[in-house]
Amino acid sequence: MTRTALVAAAGALALSACGGSREVKTIATPDCNGPEWTCFQSGPCPFAEFKDSLCAVGEADSISSYSLGIQAAETRARREMAAVVSSKVDGFTRAVQDSLSKNNLGEDSSQKVGDLAQNLVEETLHGVAIPRTYFNADTKVYYAIAVLDVKTFASAMKDMKKAKGLSEAAKQDIDKRADGIVNDWRAEVARKNGAPQ
């Protein structure tokens, strides 16, 4: 089974398993020896438990201390989340700058939006939580999942419009694109779970 198929299967299992019970199911495959979320890497969460969130999983091994192993996995999950958020912010920033340029909304506005991108990444990462950790005693691997609510992320994107000197049209464009993030992520989760397009 490929990693992509495994992630899709994990998402489908998670969505069906999370109906009323909070019991953590496991998937018996060579690549995944723990709760279904340990098979995931990063992106829009396919798990009902973390609906409308972005998830990133960190792993650590070869650490004899349980607490240090969990801390290392949490740090790696946060680092993975930072990479994902940075990528999403860069894409969002480029799209806004391109739109401002095409609509003749000013080079100055475009530069101001670009300057806010790094601050936005740092601000957004304050909203990251680590709701689950797991230690596989057989493989000696520690796992942690970092979760960021998509609405929090979209709200942080909207903060770009606070840049001084942005035109009203530029602010409206930022709002429109930020509102589209939630719908895009829901569509991606549905696609990963095999929903018809």
N, C-alpha and C. Protein backbone atom coordinates (compact mmCIF):
# COMPACT_ATOMS: atom_id res chain seq x y z
N MET A 1 0.85 -1.18 0.00
CA MET A 1 0.00 0.00 0.00
C MET A 1 0.89 1.24 0.00
N THR A 2 0.62 2.18 -0.90
CA THR A 2 1.44 3.39 -0.96
C THR A 2 1.13 4.29 0.22
N ARG A 3 2.06 5.21 0.50
CA ARG A 3 1.88 6.16 1.61
C ARG A 3 0.61 6.99 1.40
N THR A 4 0.37 7.43 0.12
CA THR A 4 -0.81 8.24 -0.18
C THR A 4 -2.08 7.45 0.07
N ALA A 5 -2.09 6.19 -0.38
CA ALA A 5 -3.26 5.35 -0.17
C ALA A 5 -3.46 5.09 1.32
N LEU A 6 -2.37 4.92 2.03
CA LEU A 6 -2.44 4.68 3.47
C LEU A 6 -3.03 5.89 4.19
N VAL A 7 -2.60 7.09 3.79
CA VAL A 7 -3.14 8.31 4.41
C VAL A 7 -4.64 8.44 4.11
N ALA A 8 -5.04 8.15 2.86
CA ALA A 8 -6.45 8.23 2.50
C ALA A 8 -7.26 7.20 3.29
N ALA A 9 -6.71 5.99 3.42
CA ALA A 9 -7.39 4.95 4.19
C ALA A 9 -7.49 5.36 5.66
N ALA A 10 -6.43 5.94 6.18
CA ALA A 10 -6.43 6.38 7.58
C ALA A 10 -7.50 7.44 7.79
N GLY A 11 -7.60 8.36 6.84
CA GLY A 11 -8.61 9.42 6.95
C GLY A 11 -10.01 8.84 6.94
N ALA A 12 -10.26 7.90 6.03
CA ALA A 12 -11.58 7.28 5.95
C ALA A 12 -11.90 6.52 7.22
N LEU A 13 -10.92 5.77 7.74
CA LEU A 13 -11.12 5.05 9.00
C LEU A 13 -11.40 6.01 10.15
N ALA A 14 -10.66 7.08 10.18
CA ALA A 14 -10.83 8.04 11.27
C ALA A 14 -12.21 8.66 11.24
N LEU A 15 -12.67 9.02 10.05
CA LEU A 15 -13.98 9.64 9.95
C LEU A 15 -15.09 8.68 10.35
N SER A 16 -14.95 7.40 9.98
CA SER A 16 -15.98 6.44 10.34
C SER A 16 -15.86 6.03 11.80
N ALA A 17 -14.66 6.03 12.35
CA ALA A 17 -14.44 5.57 13.72
C ALA A 17 -14.81 6.60 14.76
N CYS A 18 -14.90 7.86 14.38
CA CYS A 18 -15.09 8.91 15.39
C CYS A 18 -16.55 9.29 15.60
N GLY A 19 -17.49 8.46 15.18
CA GLY A 19 -18.89 8.79 15.31
C GLY A 19 -19.30 9.13 16.73
N GLY A 20 -19.36 8.15 17.63
CA GLY A 20 -19.76 8.45 18.98
C GLY A 20 -18.68 8.08 19.98
N SER A 21 -17.83 7.17 19.61
CA SER A 21 -16.80 6.68 20.53
C SER A 21 -15.53 7.50 20.40
N ARG A 22 -14.83 7.70 21.51
CA ARG A 22 -13.56 8.41 21.50
C ARG A 22 -12.40 7.42 21.56
N GLU A 23 -12.70 6.11 21.42
CA GLU A 23 -11.67 5.10 21.46
C GLU A 23 -10.71 5.29 20.29
N VAL A 24 -9.42 5.17 20.54
CA VAL A 24 -8.42 5.33 19.50
C VAL A 24 -8.24 4.01 18.79
N LYS A 25 -8.52 3.97 17.51
CA LYS A 25 -8.35 2.78 16.69
C LYS A 25 -6.92 2.72 16.18
N THR A 26 -6.45 1.53 15.91
CA THR A 26 -5.13 1.38 15.32
C THR A 26 -5.25 0.73 13.96
N ILE A 27 -4.27 0.95 13.12
CA ILE A 27 -4.23 0.38 11.78
C ILE A 27 -3.08 -0.60 11.75
N ALA A 28 -3.37 -1.83 11.38
CA ALA A 28 -2.33 -2.86 11.37
C ALA A 28 -1.67 -2.92 10.00
N THR A 29 -0.66 -2.10 9.79
CA THR A 29 0.14 -2.15 8.57
C THR A 29 1.59 -1.99 8.98
N PRO A 30 2.52 -2.43 8.14
CA PRO A 30 3.93 -2.28 8.50
C PRO A 30 4.35 -0.83 8.68
N ASP A 31 3.69 0.10 7.99
CA ASP A 31 4.08 1.51 8.04
C ASP A 31 3.42 2.27 9.19
N CYS A 32 2.39 1.69 9.80
CA CYS A 32 1.65 2.42 10.81
C CYS A 32 1.32 1.49 11.97
N ASN A 33 2.01 1.65 13.04
CA ASN A 33 1.82 0.77 14.20
C ASN A 33 1.25 1.53 15.39
N GLY A 34 0.32 2.43 15.15
CA GLY A 34 -0.26 3.21 16.23
C GLY A 34 -1.59 3.78 15.82
N PRO A 35 -2.06 4.79 16.53
CA PRO A 35 -3.32 5.45 16.15
C PRO A 35 -3.23 5.96 14.71
N GLU A 36 -4.37 6.06 14.05
CA GLU A 36 -4.39 6.41 12.63
C GLU A 36 -3.66 7.72 12.32
N TRP A 37 -3.67 8.66 13.25
CA TRP A 37 -3.01 9.95 12.97
C TRP A 37 -1.50 9.80 12.85
N THR A 38 -0.93 8.72 13.40
CA THR A 38 0.52 8.55 13.31
C THR A 38 0.95 8.21 11.88
N CYS A 39 0.00 7.83 11.02
CA CYS A 39 0.29 7.53 9.62
C CYS A 39 0.30 8.79 8.76
N PHE A 40 -0.21 9.87 9.30
CA PHE A 40 -0.37 11.11 8.56
C PHE A 40 0.93 11.90 8.59
N GLN A 41 1.14 12.77 7.59
CA GLN A 41 2.33 13.63 7.60
C GLN A 41 1.91 15.06 7.89
N SER A 42 1.38 15.76 6.90
CA SER A 42 0.93 17.13 7.13
C SER A 42 -0.06 17.55 6.06
N GLY A 43 -0.89 18.53 6.41
CA GLY A 43 -1.89 19.05 5.50
C GLY A 43 -3.23 19.17 6.21
N PRO A 44 -4.29 19.44 5.44
CA PRO A 44 -5.62 19.50 6.04
C PRO A 44 -5.95 18.16 6.71
N CYS A 45 -6.39 18.18 7.95
CA CYS A 45 -6.64 16.95 8.72
C CYS A 45 -7.80 16.16 8.13
N PRO A 46 -7.59 14.87 7.87
CA PRO A 46 -8.69 14.03 7.40
C PRO A 46 -9.44 13.37 8.56
N PHE A 47 -9.19 13.81 9.79
CA PHE A 47 -9.77 13.19 10.97
C PHE A 47 -10.90 14.04 11.54
N ALA A 48 -12.04 13.42 11.80
CA ALA A 48 -13.20 14.16 12.33
C ALA A 48 -12.86 14.86 13.64
N GLU A 49 -11.99 14.26 14.43
CA GLU A 49 -11.60 14.83 15.71
C GLU A 49 -10.95 16.22 15.55
N PHE A 50 -10.27 16.42 14.42
CA PHE A 50 -9.58 17.69 14.17
C PHE A 50 -10.17 18.38 12.94
N LYS A 51 -11.49 18.35 12.86
CA LYS A 51 -12.19 18.92 11.71
C LYS A 51 -11.81 20.39 11.52
N ASP A 52 -11.67 20.78 10.26
CA ASP A 52 -11.34 22.16 9.90
C ASP A 52 -10.02 22.63 10.51
N SER A 53 -9.06 21.73 10.53
CA SER A 53 -7.74 22.06 11.06
C SER A 53 -6.65 21.61 10.11
N LEU A 54 -5.50 22.19 10.30
CA LEU A 54 -4.29 21.77 9.60
C LEU A 54 -3.51 20.93 10.59
N CYS A 55 -2.98 19.79 10.16
CA CYS A 55 -2.25 18.90 11.05
C CYS A 55 -0.84 18.65 10.53
N ALA A 56 0.07 18.41 11.45
CA ALA A 56 1.44 18.02 11.11
C ALA A 56 1.92 17.06 12.19
N VAL A 57 2.51 15.94 11.77
CA VAL A 57 2.96 14.92 12.71
C VAL A 57 4.48 14.94 12.78
N GLY A 58 4.99 14.86 14.00
CA GLY A 58 6.42 14.77 14.23
C GLY A 58 6.76 13.43 14.85
N GLU A 59 7.92 12.90 14.50
CA GLU A 59 8.38 11.61 15.03
C GLU A 59 9.78 11.78 15.60
N ALA A 60 10.07 10.95 16.60
CA ALA A 60 11.43 10.91 17.17
C ALA A 60 11.70 9.47 17.57
N ASP A 61 12.95 9.04 17.41
CA ASP A 61 13.31 7.70 17.83
C ASP A 61 14.72 7.72 18.43
N SER A 62 15.13 6.60 18.92
CA SER A 62 16.46 6.45 19.53
C SER A 62 16.67 7.37 20.72
N ILE A 63 15.61 7.60 21.48
CA ILE A 63 15.70 8.43 22.69
C ILE A 63 15.22 7.56 23.84
N SER A 64 16.08 7.35 24.84
CA SER A 64 15.73 6.44 25.93
C SER A 64 14.78 7.06 26.95
N SER A 65 14.83 8.36 27.12
CA SER A 65 13.96 9.04 28.08
C SER A 65 12.59 9.31 27.44
N TYR A 66 11.53 8.83 28.10
CA TYR A 66 10.18 9.03 27.57
C TYR A 66 9.86 10.52 27.41
N SER A 67 10.11 11.31 28.45
CA SER A 67 9.76 12.74 28.38
C SER A 67 10.56 13.47 27.31
N LEU A 68 11.84 13.14 27.16
CA LEU A 68 12.64 13.77 26.11
C LEU A 68 12.20 13.32 24.72
N GLY A 69 11.80 12.05 24.61
CA GLY A 69 11.30 11.54 23.32
C GLY A 69 10.03 12.24 22.89
N ILE A 70 9.10 12.42 23.84
CA ILE A 70 7.84 13.13 23.54
C ILE A 70 8.14 14.58 23.18
N GLN A 71 9.04 15.23 23.94
CA GLN A 71 9.40 16.63 23.63
C GLN A 71 10.00 16.74 22.23
N ALA A 72 10.86 15.79 21.86
CA ALA A 72 11.47 15.82 20.53
C ALA A 72 10.41 15.66 19.45
N ALA A 73 9.46 14.74 19.65
CA ALA A 73 8.38 14.55 18.68
C ALA A 73 7.52 15.81 18.57
N GLU A 74 7.22 16.45 19.70
CA GLU A 74 6.44 17.69 19.69
C GLU A 74 7.18 18.79 18.93
N THR A 75 8.48 18.91 19.18
CA THR A 75 9.29 19.92 18.48
C THR A 75 9.28 19.67 16.98
N ARG A 76 9.41 18.42 16.58
CA ARG A 76 9.40 18.09 15.15
C ARG A 76 8.03 18.34 14.53
N ALA A 77 6.96 18.10 15.29
CA ALA A 77 5.62 18.38 14.78
C ALA A 77 5.44 19.89 14.58
N ARG A 78 5.92 20.67 15.53
CA ARG A 78 5.84 22.14 15.40
C ARG A 78 6.69 22.64 14.22
N ARG A 79 7.87 22.04 14.05
CA ARG A 79 8.73 22.43 12.93
C ARG A 79 8.07 22.10 11.58
N GLU A 80 7.43 20.94 11.51
CA GLU A 80 6.71 20.56 10.29
C GLU A 80 5.54 21.51 10.05
N MET A 81 4.84 21.88 11.13
CA MET A 81 3.74 22.83 11.00
C MET A 81 4.25 24.18 10.52
N ALA A 82 5.39 24.61 11.04
CA ALA A 82 5.97 25.88 10.60
C ALA A 82 6.27 25.86 9.11
N ALA A 83 6.78 24.74 8.61
CA ALA A 83 7.08 24.62 7.19
C ALA A 83 5.80 24.68 6.36
N VAL A 84 4.75 24.01 6.82
CA VAL A 84 3.48 24.00 6.09
C VAL A 84 2.86 25.40 6.10
N VAL A 85 2.83 26.03 7.28
CA VAL A 85 2.25 27.37 7.39
C VAL A 85 3.03 28.36 6.53
N SER A 86 4.36 28.28 6.58
CA SER A 86 5.19 29.17 5.78
C SER A 86 4.88 29.01 4.30
N SER A 87 4.73 27.78 3.86
CA SER A 87 4.42 27.51 2.45
C SER A 87 3.05 28.09 2.08
N LYS A 88 2.06 27.87 2.94
CA LYS A 88 0.71 28.40 2.67
C LYS A 88 0.71 29.93 2.67
N VAL A 89 1.42 30.53 3.61
CA VAL A 89 1.48 31.99 3.68
C VAL A 89 2.19 32.55 2.44
N ASP A 90 3.28 31.91 2.03
CA ASP A 90 3.99 32.36 0.83
C ASP A 90 3.08 32.31 -0.39
N GLY A 91 2.34 31.22 -0.54
CA GLY A 91 1.41 31.10 -1.66
C GLY A 91 0.32 32.15 -1.61
N PHE A 92 -0.23 32.37 -0.42
CA PHE A 92 -1.27 33.37 -0.23
C PHE A 92 -0.73 34.76 -0.55
N THR A 93 0.46 35.06 -0.05
CA THR A 93 1.08 36.37 -0.27
C THR A 93 1.32 36.61 -1.75
N ARG A 94 1.86 35.59 -2.43
CA ARG A 94 2.10 35.75 -3.87
C ARG A 94 0.80 35.99 -4.63
N ALA A 95 -0.25 35.25 -4.26
CA ALA A 95 -1.54 35.42 -4.94
C ALA A 95 -2.09 36.82 -4.72
N VAL A 96 -1.99 37.33 -3.49
CA VAL A 96 -2.48 38.69 -3.20
C VAL A 96 -1.64 39.71 -3.96
N GLN A 97 -0.31 39.55 -3.94
CA GLN A 97 0.55 40.50 -4.64
C GLN A 97 0.27 40.49 -6.15
N ASP A 98 0.06 39.30 -6.70
CA ASP A 98 -0.25 39.19 -8.13
C ASP A 98 -1.57 39.88 -8.45
N SER A 99 -2.56 39.67 -7.58
CA SER A 99 -3.86 40.30 -7.77
C SER A 99 -3.75 41.83 -7.69
N LEU A 100 -2.98 42.32 -6.71
CA LEU A 100 -2.80 43.77 -6.57
C LEU A 100 -2.12 44.34 -7.81
N SER A 101 -1.15 43.61 -8.32
CA SER A 101 -0.43 44.07 -9.50
C SER A 101 -1.33 44.08 -10.74
N LYS A 102 -2.07 43.01 -10.94
CA LYS A 102 -2.96 42.90 -12.12
C LYS A 102 -4.06 43.94 -12.09
N ASN A 103 -4.52 44.28 -10.89
CA ASN A 103 -5.62 45.24 -10.76
C ASN A 103 -5.13 46.66 -10.54
N ASN A 104 -3.84 46.88 -10.78
CA ASN A 104 -3.25 48.21 -10.63
C ASN A 104 -3.55 48.85 -9.27
N LEU A 105 -3.40 48.05 -8.21
CA LEU A 105 -3.67 48.56 -6.87
C LEU A 105 -2.41 49.05 -6.18
N GLY A 106 -1.33 49.15 -6.94
CA GLY A 106 -0.14 49.79 -6.42
C GLY A 106 0.98 48.88 -6.01
N GLU A 107 2.19 49.27 -6.43
CA GLU A 107 3.42 48.55 -6.06
C GLU A 107 3.65 48.66 -4.56
N ASP A 108 3.32 49.80 -3.99
CA ASP A 108 3.53 50.03 -2.57
C ASP A 108 2.70 49.05 -1.73
N SER A 109 1.43 48.85 -2.11
CA SER A 109 0.56 47.90 -1.41
C SER A 109 1.12 46.50 -1.51
N SER A 110 1.61 46.13 -2.68
CA SER A 110 2.16 44.80 -2.91
C SER A 110 3.36 44.56 -2.01
N GLN A 111 4.23 45.55 -1.88
CA GLN A 111 5.42 45.43 -1.03
C GLN A 111 5.04 45.30 0.45
N LYS A 112 4.04 46.07 0.88
CA LYS A 112 3.60 46.02 2.27
C LYS A 112 3.05 44.65 2.64
N VAL A 113 2.30 44.04 1.72
CA VAL A 113 1.77 42.70 1.95
C VAL A 113 2.92 41.71 2.08
N GLY A 114 3.93 41.82 1.22
CA GLY A 114 5.09 40.95 1.28
C GLY A 114 5.85 41.07 2.59
N ASP A 115 5.96 42.29 3.09
CA ASP A 115 6.68 42.52 4.34
C ASP A 115 5.99 41.88 5.54
N LEU A 116 4.69 41.70 5.46
CA LEU A 116 3.94 41.13 6.58
C LEU A 116 3.99 39.60 6.64
N ALA A 117 4.43 38.96 5.57
CA ALA A 117 4.36 37.50 5.49
C ALA A 117 5.09 36.80 6.63
N GLN A 118 6.32 37.18 6.94
CA GLN A 118 7.07 36.50 8.00
C GLN A 118 6.42 36.72 9.37
N ASN A 119 5.96 37.93 9.63
CA ASN A 119 5.28 38.20 10.89
C ASN A 119 4.02 37.36 11.02
N LEU A 120 3.33 37.16 9.89
CA LEU A 120 2.11 36.36 9.87
C LEU A 120 2.41 34.92 10.24
N VAL A 121 3.49 34.36 9.70
CA VAL A 121 3.88 32.98 10.02
C VAL A 121 4.12 32.86 11.52
N GLU A 122 4.91 33.75 12.08
CA GLU A 122 5.23 33.70 13.50
C GLU A 122 3.99 33.86 14.37
N GLU A 123 3.12 34.78 14.01
CA GLU A 123 1.89 35.01 14.76
C GLU A 123 0.98 33.79 14.70
N THR A 124 0.86 33.20 13.53
CA THR A 124 -0.01 32.04 13.35
C THR A 124 0.46 30.85 14.17
N LEU A 125 1.76 30.66 14.28
CA LEU A 125 2.29 29.50 15.00
C LEU A 125 1.99 29.55 16.50
N HIS A 126 1.61 30.72 17.01
CA HIS A 126 1.21 30.80 18.42
C HIS A 126 -0.10 30.04 18.67
N GLY A 127 -0.89 29.83 17.62
CA GLY A 127 -2.16 29.13 17.74
C GLY A 127 -2.06 27.61 17.59
N VAL A 128 -0.85 27.09 17.46
CA VAL A 128 -0.66 25.65 17.27
C VAL A 128 -0.77 24.92 18.61
N ALA A 129 -1.53 23.82 18.62
CA ALA A 129 -1.68 22.98 19.81
C ALA A 129 -1.13 21.58 19.51
N ILE A 130 -0.72 20.88 20.55
CA ILE A 130 -0.28 19.49 20.43
C ILE A 130 -1.27 18.66 21.26
N PRO A 131 -2.39 18.24 20.66
CA PRO A 131 -3.42 17.55 21.44
C PRO A 131 -3.16 16.07 21.71
N ARG A 132 -2.29 15.44 20.92
CA ARG A 132 -2.06 14.00 21.08
C ARG A 132 -0.57 13.67 20.96
N THR A 133 -0.12 12.75 21.79
CA THR A 133 1.21 12.17 21.66
C THR A 133 1.04 10.65 21.77
N TYR A 134 2.04 9.93 21.29
CA TYR A 134 1.96 8.46 21.33
C TYR A 134 3.38 7.90 21.31
N PHE A 135 3.58 6.85 22.11
CA PHE A 135 4.86 6.15 22.10
C PHE A 135 4.61 4.70 21.73
N ASN A 136 5.27 4.23 20.68
CA ASN A 136 5.17 2.83 20.28
C ASN A 136 6.31 2.08 20.97
N ALA A 137 5.98 1.29 21.96
CA ALA A 137 6.99 0.57 22.74
C ALA A 137 7.73 -0.47 21.91
N ASP A 138 7.06 -1.02 20.89
CA ASP A 138 7.71 -2.04 20.05
C ASP A 138 8.79 -1.44 19.15
N THR A 139 8.46 -0.33 18.49
CA THR A 139 9.40 0.29 17.56
C THR A 139 10.25 1.37 18.20
N LYS A 140 9.90 1.76 19.43
CA LYS A 140 10.61 2.81 20.17
C LYS A 140 10.55 4.15 19.44
N VAL A 141 9.40 4.43 18.84
CA VAL A 141 9.19 5.69 18.12
C VAL A 141 8.15 6.52 18.86
N TYR A 142 8.44 7.80 19.02
CA TYR A 142 7.55 8.76 19.67
C TYR A 142 6.86 9.57 18.58
N TYR A 143 5.58 9.89 18.78
CA TYR A 143 4.81 10.67 17.82
C TYR A 143 4.12 11.83 18.54
N ALA A 144 3.93 12.92 17.82
CA ALA A 144 3.12 14.04 18.32
C ALA A 144 2.42 14.65 17.12
N ILE A 145 1.20 15.10 17.32
CA ILE A 145 0.46 15.76 16.25
C ILE A 145 0.22 17.21 16.64
N ALA A 146 0.61 18.11 15.74
CA ALA A 146 0.38 19.54 15.92
C ALA A 146 -0.87 19.91 15.13
N VAL A 147 -1.73 20.73 15.71
CA VAL A 147 -3.00 21.08 15.08
C VAL A 147 -3.18 22.59 15.11
N LEU A 148 -3.62 23.12 13.98
CA LEU A 148 -3.93 24.55 13.86
C LEU A 148 -5.30 24.69 13.23
N ASP A 149 -6.21 25.36 13.92
CA ASP A 149 -7.56 25.57 13.41
C ASP A 149 -7.52 26.46 12.17
N VAL A 150 -8.20 26.02 11.11
CA VAL A 150 -8.16 26.77 9.85
C VAL A 150 -8.78 28.16 9.99
N LYS A 151 -9.76 28.30 10.87
CA LYS A 151 -10.37 29.62 11.06
C LYS A 151 -9.38 30.58 11.71
N THR A 152 -8.57 30.07 12.63
CA THR A 152 -7.53 30.89 13.24
C THR A 152 -6.53 31.32 12.18
N PHE A 153 -6.18 30.39 11.30
CA PHE A 153 -5.24 30.67 10.23
C PHE A 153 -5.81 31.72 9.27
N ALA A 154 -7.08 31.55 8.88
CA ALA A 154 -7.72 32.51 7.97
C ALA A 154 -7.81 33.89 8.62
N SER A 155 -8.09 33.91 9.92
CA SER A 155 -8.16 35.18 10.65
C SER A 155 -6.79 35.88 10.64
N ALA A 156 -5.72 35.09 10.81
CA ALA A 156 -4.38 35.66 10.77
C ALA A 156 -4.09 36.23 9.39
N MET A 157 -4.55 35.54 8.36
CA MET A 157 -4.36 36.04 6.99
C MET A 157 -5.05 37.40 6.82
N LYS A 158 -6.24 37.50 7.38
CA LYS A 158 -6.99 38.76 7.26
C LYS A 158 -6.26 39.91 7.94
N ASP A 159 -5.42 39.60 8.91
CA ASP A 159 -4.66 40.64 9.59
C ASP A 159 -3.70 41.37 8.67
N MET A 160 -3.42 40.76 7.51
CA MET A 160 -2.55 41.44 6.53
C MET A 160 -3.15 42.77 6.08
N LYS A 161 -4.47 42.86 6.14
CA LYS A 161 -5.10 44.09 5.65
C LYS A 161 -4.88 45.27 6.61
N LYS A 162 -4.26 44.99 7.77
CA LYS A 162 -3.98 46.07 8.72
C LYS A 162 -2.73 46.87 8.34
N ALA A 163 -2.05 46.43 7.28
CA ALA A 163 -0.86 47.16 6.84
C ALA A 163 -1.26 48.59 6.48
N LYS A 164 -0.46 49.53 6.92
CA LYS A 164 -0.75 50.93 6.64
C LYS A 164 -0.64 51.20 5.16
N GLY A 165 -1.57 52.00 4.67
CA GLY A 165 -1.50 52.46 3.29
C GLY A 165 -2.14 51.54 2.27
N LEU A 166 -2.75 50.42 2.67
CA LEU A 166 -3.40 49.54 1.71
C LEU A 166 -4.70 50.18 1.24
N SER A 167 -4.98 50.05 -0.03
CA SER A 167 -6.24 50.58 -0.56
C SER A 167 -7.39 49.69 -0.09
N GLU A 168 -8.60 50.21 -0.17
CA GLU A 168 -9.78 49.43 0.22
C GLU A 168 -9.93 48.20 -0.68
N ALA A 169 -9.62 48.36 -1.96
CA ALA A 169 -9.70 47.22 -2.89
C ALA A 169 -8.72 46.12 -2.49
N ALA A 170 -7.53 46.51 -2.05
CA ALA A 170 -6.53 45.53 -1.61
C ALA A 170 -7.02 44.82 -0.36
N LYS A 171 -7.62 45.54 0.57
CA LYS A 171 -8.15 44.93 1.80
C LYS A 171 -9.27 43.95 1.49
N GLN A 172 -10.14 44.32 0.55
CA GLN A 172 -11.23 43.42 0.16
C GLN A 172 -10.69 42.15 -0.50
N ASP A 173 -9.63 42.30 -1.30
CA ASP A 173 -9.03 41.14 -1.95
C ASP A 173 -8.44 40.19 -0.90
N ILE A 174 -7.79 40.74 0.11
CA ILE A 174 -7.22 39.92 1.18
C ILE A 174 -8.33 39.18 1.92
N ASP A 175 -9.43 39.87 2.26
CA ASP A 175 -10.57 39.23 2.93
C ASP A 175 -11.13 38.08 2.09
N LYS A 176 -11.33 38.35 0.83
CA LYS A 176 -11.92 37.35 -0.07
C LYS A 176 -11.04 36.11 -0.15
N ARG A 177 -9.75 36.30 -0.31
CA ARG A 177 -8.84 35.16 -0.42
C ARG A 177 -8.74 34.40 0.89
N ALA A 178 -8.73 35.10 2.02
CA ALA A 178 -8.66 34.44 3.33
C ALA A 178 -9.93 33.62 3.58
N ASP A 179 -11.08 34.14 3.20
CA ASP A 179 -12.33 33.39 3.37
C ASP A 179 -12.34 32.12 2.53
N GLY A 180 -11.66 32.15 1.41
CA GLY A 180 -11.61 30.97 0.53
C GLY A 180 -10.76 29.84 1.08
N ILE A 181 -9.91 30.12 2.06
CA ILE A 181 -9.02 29.11 2.61
C ILE A 181 -9.81 27.98 3.26
N VAL A 182 -10.82 28.31 4.06
CA VAL A 182 -11.61 27.28 4.75
C VAL A 182 -12.26 26.36 3.72
N ASN A 183 -12.87 26.92 2.68
CA ASN A 183 -13.52 26.10 1.66
C ASN A 183 -12.52 25.24 0.90
N ASP A 184 -11.35 25.81 0.60
CA ASP A 184 -10.32 25.04 -0.11
C ASP A 184 -9.86 23.85 0.72
N TRP A 185 -9.66 24.06 2.01
CA TRP A 185 -9.19 22.97 2.87
C TRP A 185 -10.26 21.89 3.02
N ARG A 186 -11.53 22.29 3.15
CA ARG A 186 -12.61 21.30 3.24
C ARG A 186 -12.68 20.47 1.97
N ALA A 187 -12.51 21.13 0.82
CA ALA A 187 -12.54 20.41 -0.46
C ALA A 187 -11.36 19.43 -0.55
N GLU A 188 -10.20 19.83 -0.06
CA GLU A 188 -9.03 18.95 -0.10
C GLU A 188 -9.24 17.73 0.79
N VAL A 189 -9.81 17.93 1.97
CA VAL A 189 -10.09 16.80 2.86
C VAL A 189 -11.10 15.86 2.20
N ALA A 190 -12.15 16.41 1.60
CA ALA A 190 -13.15 15.58 0.92
C ALA A 190 -12.51 14.79 -0.21
N ARG A 191 -11.63 15.42 -0.96
CA ARG A 191 -10.94 14.76 -2.06
C ARG A 191 -10.06 13.62 -1.53
N LYS A 192 -9.35 13.87 -0.45
CA LYS A 192 -8.50 12.82 0.15
C LYS A 192 -9.32 11.66 0.67
N ASN A 193 -10.56 11.95 1.11
CA ASN A 193 -11.42 10.89 1.63
C ASN A 193 -12.27 10.24 0.55
N GLY A 194 -12.00 10.59 -0.71
CA GLY A 194 -12.68 9.95 -1.83
C GLY A 194 -14.07 10.45 -2.13
N ALA A 195 -14.42 11.64 -1.67
CA ALA A 195 -15.75 12.20 -1.97
C ALA A 195 -15.81 12.56 -3.44
N PRO A 196 -16.98 12.37 -4.07
CA PRO A 196 -17.11 12.73 -5.49
C PRO A 196 -16.92 14.23 -5.69
N GLN A 197 -16.31 14.57 -6.80
CA GLN A 197 -16.02 15.98 -7.08
C GLN A 197 -17.22 16.66 -7.71
